[in-house]
Amino acid sequence: MSRIAMAVAAHPDDIEFMMFGTLLRLKQAGWEIHYLNIGTGNQGTDSLPSEEIARVRRGEAQDACQLAGAVFHDSLIDDLEIFYDRGLLARVAAVMREVAPEIVLTHHPLDYMEDHTITARLAVTAAFTRGMVNYETDPPQPTTSQPVALYHAMPYGLRDNIRRDVTPDFCVDISSVIDRKIDLLACHKSQKEWLDVSQGHDAYLEILRDMSAGVGQKYGDCAFAEGWIRHLHLGLAEESFDPLQEAL
């Protein structure tokens, strides 16, 4: 059976920006990859009604998953309603138990917006509760016992929410998959069109390339990279369990 890696992000296109290069490398190494955006993306527009843009963005995310060979999981709640509360945690934990990943990729805990930072907290606790028999998920899922290593992506813009530069623990060289990663981001046509109007033609895709190049050249000694910070192992696995670095 394939080993399993899962990315947990806030909005459709967040995984493409900061995590999908690593997922693609894991896929090439034989891992099964899963994709969950907690938020629907319903705020990502200046013209469409909430339900319509959420439907559009769901389809775009599904297109990216199909192109990448990733398993798609439906979003759980609208944007800016991602709170660290019992109801949402129980739903995230249900997906975590269903998938039973050994690698979890998620946002930096001090990213630029609260949807991202709270998503990181939810992902950590959902992984932590995977084996707690008295914690009931929504819907109910049986507990799992696999070790989990959780890794935080670089924050968007490569600085934390009070403007400090962030240095990764290590980098994954994504030079061989950078074009495919850009193709995956391009699946999110509604966001590309929105930002092309406000920021200039192809700004959406250029930002991804520039950030990946910045990480690679500053920290990875390669053309393009994604940087990662490993979460503390306590409650998740033995300290020596570090499957992302071992795999890539």
Protein backbone atom coordinates (compact mmCIF):
# COMPACT_ATOMS: atom_id res chain seq x y z
CA MET A 1 0.00 0.00 0.00
CA SER A 2 1.12 3.56 -0.73
CA ARG A 3 2.08 5.81 2.12
CA ILE A 4 -0.18 8.84 2.46
CA ALA A 5 0.52 12.58 2.55
CA MET A 6 -2.16 15.22 3.03
CA ALA A 7 -2.15 18.99 2.53
CA VAL A 8 -4.57 21.02 4.68
CA ALA A 9 -4.97 24.65 3.63
CA ALA A 10 -7.44 27.49 4.06
CA HIS A 11 -8.58 28.38 0.53
CA PRO A 12 -8.56 26.97 -3.01
CA ASP A 13 -5.14 27.86 -4.51
CA ASP A 14 -3.23 28.03 -1.18
CA ILE A 15 -1.90 24.50 -1.66
CA GLU A 16 -0.87 25.36 -5.23
CA PHE A 17 1.04 28.43 -4.06
CA MET A 18 3.00 27.02 -1.14
CA MET A 19 2.74 23.20 -1.02
CA PHE A 20 1.94 21.46 -4.30
CA GLY A 21 5.52 21.17 -5.54
CA THR A 22 6.29 18.98 -2.55
CA LEU A 23 3.12 16.96 -3.08
CA LEU A 24 4.11 16.37 -6.70
CA ARG A 25 7.55 15.16 -5.61
CA LEU A 26 5.93 12.83 -3.07
CA LYS A 27 3.59 11.53 -5.76
CA GLN A 28 6.60 10.74 -7.94
CA ALA A 29 8.14 8.90 -4.98
CA GLY A 30 5.10 6.64 -4.73
CA TRP A 31 3.04 8.42 -2.08
CA GLU A 32 -0.72 8.84 -2.25
CA ILE A 33 -1.52 12.56 -1.97
CA HIS A 34 -4.66 14.20 -0.55
CA TYR A 35 -5.94 17.78 -0.84
CA LEU A 36 -8.22 19.63 1.62
CA ASN A 37 -9.10 23.32 1.58
CA ILE A 38 -11.12 24.10 4.71
CA GLY A 39 -12.62 27.26 3.19
CA THR A 40 -14.83 27.32 0.10
CA GLY A 41 -13.17 30.35 -1.49
CA ASN A 42 -16.49 32.22 -1.50
CA GLN A 43 -14.81 35.59 -0.83
CA GLY A 44 -12.46 35.32 -3.80
CA THR A 45 -14.36 37.63 -6.14
CA ASP A 46 -15.46 41.21 -6.65
CA SER A 47 -18.46 40.36 -8.84
CA LEU A 48 -20.02 36.91 -8.31
CA PRO A 49 -22.49 35.86 -5.58
CA SER A 50 -21.10 33.75 -2.75
CA GLU A 51 -22.63 30.44 -3.79
CA GLU A 52 -21.61 30.87 -7.42
CA ILE A 53 -17.95 31.70 -6.77
CA ALA A 54 -17.76 28.84 -4.24
CA ARG A 55 -19.05 26.47 -6.92
CA VAL A 56 -16.57 27.84 -9.47
CA ARG A 57 -13.64 27.55 -7.09
CA ARG A 58 -14.59 24.01 -6.09
CA GLY A 59 -14.49 23.01 -9.75
CA GLU A 60 -11.11 24.69 -10.25
CA ALA A 61 -9.67 22.86 -7.25
CA GLN A 62 -11.03 19.57 -8.56
CA ASP A 63 -9.40 20.27 -11.93
CA ALA A 64 -6.05 20.83 -10.21
CA CYS A 65 -6.40 17.61 -8.23
CA GLN A 66 -7.28 15.61 -11.33
CA LEU A 67 -4.27 17.02 -13.18
CA ALA A 68 -1.97 16.20 -10.25
CA GLY A 69 -3.42 12.80 -9.40
CA ALA A 70 -4.45 13.97 -5.92
CA VAL A 71 -7.47 12.87 -3.89
CA PHE A 72 -9.87 15.80 -3.50
CA HIS A 73 -11.76 16.48 -0.26
CA ASP A 74 -14.64 18.94 -0.14
CA SER A 75 -14.29 22.22 1.74
CA LEU A 76 -16.00 22.47 5.10
CA ILE A 77 -17.00 26.11 5.66
CA ASP A 78 -17.00 29.54 4.00
CA ASP A 79 -14.02 31.91 4.05
CA LEU A 80 -13.61 34.08 7.16
CA GLU A 81 -15.69 31.55 9.11
CA ILE A 82 -12.66 29.38 9.83
CA PHE A 83 -12.58 29.54 13.61
CA TYR A 84 -10.91 27.28 16.14
CA ASP A 85 -14.09 25.83 17.59
CA ARG A 86 -15.47 22.42 18.54
CA GLY A 87 -17.72 21.99 15.52
CA LEU A 88 -15.14 22.73 12.84
CA LEU A 89 -12.38 20.83 14.62
CA ALA A 90 -14.59 17.73 14.76
CA ARG A 91 -15.10 17.94 10.99
CA VAL A 92 -11.41 18.42 10.21
CA ALA A 93 -10.53 15.57 12.57
CA ALA A 94 -12.99 13.30 10.75
CA VAL A 95 -11.14 13.86 7.47
CA MET A 96 -7.80 13.34 9.21
CA ARG A 97 -8.92 9.97 10.57
CA GLU A 98 -10.47 8.93 7.26
CA VAL A 99 -7.25 9.66 5.35
CA ALA A 100 -4.80 8.52 8.09
CA PRO A 101 -1.78 10.38 6.67
CA GLU A 102 1.81 10.01 7.83
CA ILE A 103 2.72 13.44 6.42
CA VAL A 104 0.54 16.51 6.96
CA LEU A 105 1.45 19.77 5.18
CA THR A 106 -0.24 22.95 6.33
CA HIS A 107 0.16 26.70 6.70
CA HIS A 108 2.75 28.54 8.74
CA PRO A 109 1.30 29.29 12.20
CA LEU A 110 2.06 33.01 11.76
CA ASP A 111 0.91 33.54 8.18
CA TYR A 112 -0.49 36.86 7.03
CA MET A 113 -4.21 36.17 7.57
CA GLU A 114 -6.26 34.49 10.26
CA ASP A 115 -7.85 31.88 7.99
CA HIS A 116 -4.35 30.54 7.39
CA THR A 117 -3.16 30.62 10.99
CA ILE A 118 -6.33 29.01 12.34
CA THR A 119 -6.18 26.33 9.65
CA ALA A 120 -2.69 25.49 10.89
CA ARG A 121 -4.01 25.14 14.45
CA LEU A 122 -6.92 22.98 13.32
CA ALA A 123 -4.61 20.69 11.32
CA VAL A 124 -2.28 20.22 14.29
CA THR A 125 -5.06 19.39 16.73
CA ALA A 126 -6.88 17.15 14.24
CA ALA A 127 -3.69 15.11 13.84
CA PHE A 128 -3.18 15.08 17.61
CA THR A 129 -6.69 13.69 18.25
CA ARG A 130 -6.48 10.90 15.69
CA GLY A 131 -6.11 8.22 18.38
CA MET A 132 -8.27 9.68 21.15
CA VAL A 133 -11.10 7.19 21.65
CA ASN A 134 -13.26 9.66 23.60
CA TYR A 135 -13.02 12.39 20.96
CA GLU A 136 -15.99 12.15 18.61
CA THR A 137 -15.52 13.44 15.10
CA ASP A 138 -18.21 14.72 12.74
CA PRO A 139 -19.12 12.42 11.09
CA PRO A 140 -17.88 9.70 13.46
CA GLN A 141 -14.69 8.01 12.29
CA PRO A 142 -12.68 5.24 13.99
CA THR A 143 -9.40 6.24 15.59
CA THR A 144 -6.08 5.67 13.86
CA SER A 145 -2.66 4.92 15.31
CA GLN A 146 -0.14 5.77 12.58
CA PRO A 147 2.70 8.15 13.41
CA VAL A 148 2.29 11.61 11.88
CA ALA A 149 4.86 14.25 11.01
CA LEU A 150 3.41 17.70 10.49
CA TYR A 151 5.21 20.36 8.45
CA HIS A 152 4.44 24.08 8.16
CA ALA A 153 4.90 25.79 4.80
CA MET A 154 6.60 29.11 4.38
CA PRO A 155 4.19 31.99 4.89
CA TYR A 156 2.84 33.78 1.86
CA GLY A 157 5.35 36.53 1.05
CA LEU A 158 8.05 34.63 3.01
CA ARG A 159 7.53 36.82 6.09
CA ASP A 160 5.39 36.27 9.18
CA ASN A 161 2.44 38.43 10.16
CA ILE A 162 4.62 41.02 11.88
CA ARG A 163 6.98 41.30 8.88
CA ARG A 164 9.86 39.14 10.13
CA ASP A 165 11.72 37.00 7.60
CA VAL A 166 11.05 33.29 8.05
CA THR A 167 13.82 30.72 7.62
CA PRO A 168 12.80 27.13 6.82
CA ASP A 169 14.26 24.09 8.57
CA PHE A 170 14.86 22.55 5.16
CA CYS A 171 13.81 22.89 1.52
CA VAL A 172 12.39 20.55 -1.08
CA ASP A 173 13.83 21.16 -4.53
CA ILE A 174 10.84 21.58 -6.87
CA SER A 175 12.79 22.71 -9.94
CA SER A 176 11.79 19.58 -11.85
CA VAL A 177 8.07 20.20 -11.23
CA ILE A 178 7.86 24.01 -11.25
CA ASP A 179 6.14 24.15 -14.64
CA ARG A 180 3.57 21.62 -13.52
CA LYS A 181 3.02 23.50 -10.28
CA ILE A 182 2.32 26.65 -12.31
CA ASP A 183 -0.11 24.66 -14.48
CA LEU A 184 -1.95 23.59 -11.32
CA LEU A 185 -2.25 27.18 -10.13
CA ALA A 186 -3.48 28.17 -13.60
CA CYS A 187 -6.45 25.82 -13.06
CA HIS A 188 -7.78 28.51 -10.71
CA LYS A 189 -8.92 30.69 -13.60
CA SER A 190 -11.28 32.85 -11.53
CA GLN A 191 -8.40 33.98 -9.33
CA LYS A 192 -6.02 34.53 -12.22
CA GLU A 193 -8.57 36.74 -14.02
CA TRP A 194 -9.33 38.66 -10.81
CA LEU A 195 -5.65 39.39 -10.12
CA ASP A 196 -4.81 40.07 -13.77
CA VAL A 197 -7.28 42.96 -13.62
CA SER A 198 -6.03 44.33 -10.30
CA GLN A 199 -2.29 43.54 -10.48
CA GLY A 200 -1.37 43.11 -14.12
CA HIS A 201 -1.34 40.32 -16.70
CA ASP A 202 -0.10 36.97 -15.35
CA ALA A 203 0.73 38.47 -11.94
CA TYR A 204 -0.92 35.46 -10.31
CA LEU A 205 1.48 32.99 -11.89
CA GLU A 206 4.52 35.24 -11.65
CA ILE A 207 4.08 35.60 -7.88
CA LEU A 208 4.25 31.82 -7.50
CA ARG A 209 7.38 31.57 -9.64
CA ASP A 210 9.05 34.46 -7.82
CA MET A 211 8.34 33.07 -4.35
CA SER A 212 9.52 29.57 -5.32
CA ALA A 213 12.66 31.06 -6.84
CA GLY A 214 13.26 33.17 -3.75
CA VAL A 215 13.13 30.15 -1.45
CA GLY A 216 15.29 28.06 -3.77
CA GLN A 217 18.00 30.65 -4.25
CA LYS A 218 18.14 31.89 -0.64
CA TYR A 219 17.70 28.65 1.27
CA GLY A 220 17.77 25.65 -1.05
CA ASP A 221 20.78 26.11 -3.33
CA CYS A 222 18.53 25.35 -6.31
CA ALA A 223 16.41 27.21 -8.83
CA PHE A 224 13.00 26.64 -7.19
CA ALA A 225 12.07 25.25 -3.79
CA GLU A 226 9.41 25.02 -1.11
CA GLY A 227 10.58 25.55 2.46
CA TRP A 228 9.30 23.58 5.45
CA ILE A 229 9.36 23.87 9.23
CA ARG A 230 8.65 20.68 11.13
CA HIS A 231 6.13 20.87 13.97
CA LEU A 232 7.19 19.52 17.37
CA HIS A 233 6.86 15.73 17.42
CA LEU A 234 5.16 15.42 20.83
CA GLY A 235 1.82 13.65 20.57
CA LEU A 236 2.41 12.86 16.91
CA ALA A 237 5.38 10.53 16.51
CA GLU A 238 8.86 9.68 17.72
CA GLU A 239 11.30 12.56 17.41
CA SER A 240 13.27 10.63 14.78
CA PHE A 241 10.20 10.19 12.55
CA ASP A 242 10.82 12.61 9.67
CA PRO A 243 9.29 11.05 6.54
CA LEU A 244 9.31 14.15 4.33
CA GLN A 245 13.06 14.60 4.48
CA GLU A 246 13.56 10.84 4.18
CA ALA A 247 11.36 10.63 1.09
CA LEU A 248 12.76 13.68 -0.75
